[in-house]
Protein backbone atom coordinates (compact mmCIF):
# COMPACT_ATOMS: atom_id res chain seq x y z
CA MET A 1 31.03 -19.98 -24.83
CA PHE A 2 27.86 -20.84 -26.76
CA ALA A 3 27.57 -24.12 -24.89
CA PHE A 4 27.69 -22.22 -21.50
CA LEU A 5 24.97 -19.79 -22.68
CA PHE A 6 22.80 -22.72 -23.93
CA ASP A 7 23.13 -24.52 -20.62
CA ALA A 8 22.29 -21.39 -18.67
CA THR A 9 19.23 -20.82 -20.70
CA GLU A 10 18.15 -24.39 -20.34
CA LEU A 11 18.78 -24.17 -16.59
CA LYS A 12 16.76 -20.91 -16.40
CA GLN A 13 13.82 -22.66 -18.30
CA GLY A 14 14.01 -25.70 -16.12
CA LEU A 15 13.88 -23.62 -12.89
CA ARG A 16 11.04 -21.57 -14.33
CA LEU A 17 9.15 -24.75 -15.20
CA SER A 18 9.77 -26.11 -11.67
CA PHE A 19 8.65 -23.01 -10.03
CA ASP A 20 5.51 -22.95 -12.20
CA ARG A 21 4.72 -26.50 -11.11
CA GLN A 22 5.25 -25.77 -7.45
CA PHE A 23 3.11 -22.57 -7.65
CA ARG A 24 0.30 -24.47 -9.30
CA ARG A 25 0.44 -27.17 -6.65
CA TRP A 26 0.44 -24.81 -3.73
CA ALA A 27 -2.39 -22.75 -5.40
CA GLY A 28 -4.45 -25.84 -5.73
CA VAL A 29 -3.83 -26.84 -2.11
CA ALA A 30 -4.83 -23.38 -0.90
CA PHE A 31 -7.97 -23.54 -3.12
CA MET A 32 -8.94 -26.92 -1.61
CA ALA A 33 -8.34 -25.66 1.96
CA LEU A 34 -10.51 -22.50 1.33
CA ALA A 35 -13.28 -24.60 -0.30
CA MET A 36 -13.33 -26.94 2.81
CA MET A 37 -13.38 -24.02 5.15
CA SER A 38 -16.31 -22.47 3.20
CA ILE A 39 -18.26 -25.69 3.25
CA GLN A 40 -17.63 -26.04 7.08
CA TYR A 41 -18.74 -22.38 7.62
CA ASP A 42 -22.01 -22.98 5.69
CA GLU A 43 -22.83 -26.20 7.54
CA VAL A 44 -21.58 -25.45 11.06
CA ILE A 45 -20.89 -21.81 11.87
CA ALA A 46 -23.51 -19.98 9.77
CA PRO A 47 -26.59 -21.67 11.41
CA GLU A 48 -25.24 -20.91 14.83
CA VAL A 49 -24.63 -17.23 13.90
CA ASN A 50 -28.18 -17.06 12.53
CA ARG A 51 -29.56 -18.51 15.73
CA LEU A 52 -27.59 -16.06 17.82
CA SER A 53 -28.77 -13.18 15.61
CA ASP A 54 -32.39 -14.22 15.82
CA ASN A 55 -32.24 -14.49 19.60
CA TRP A 56 -30.48 -11.13 19.87
CA SER A 57 -33.34 -9.64 17.71
CA THR A 58 -35.94 -11.17 19.94
CA VAL A 59 -34.29 -9.78 23.11
CA ALA A 60 -33.99 -6.35 21.52
CA THR A 61 -37.65 -6.37 20.40
CA ASP A 62 -38.83 -7.41 23.87
CA PHE A 63 -36.73 -4.75 25.56
CA SER A 64 -38.02 -2.15 23.08
CA LYS A 65 -41.65 -3.10 23.87
CA ARG A 66 -41.06 -3.03 27.59
CA LEU A 67 -39.31 0.31 27.34
CA SER A 68 -42.04 1.85 25.27
CA SER A 69 -44.64 0.62 27.69
CA PHE A 70 -43.47 3.10 30.39
CA THR A 71 -45.38 6.36 30.24
CA LEU A 72 -44.16 9.54 31.50
């Protein structure tokens, strides 16, 4: 009976260790993927969004000036 309990405990510890390794591996892969996406955002997407935002601000300012130039 003690041998069976010892084996079950050993099996439980082995499974826990295996799960811990898998979890760390997948967490590392997820971290790397998020880091690469962040770098791509900073280099590719953010400048385009900034350019669109600047253009939108310019259009809104021009429209505001033209609208305010009308007198009633």
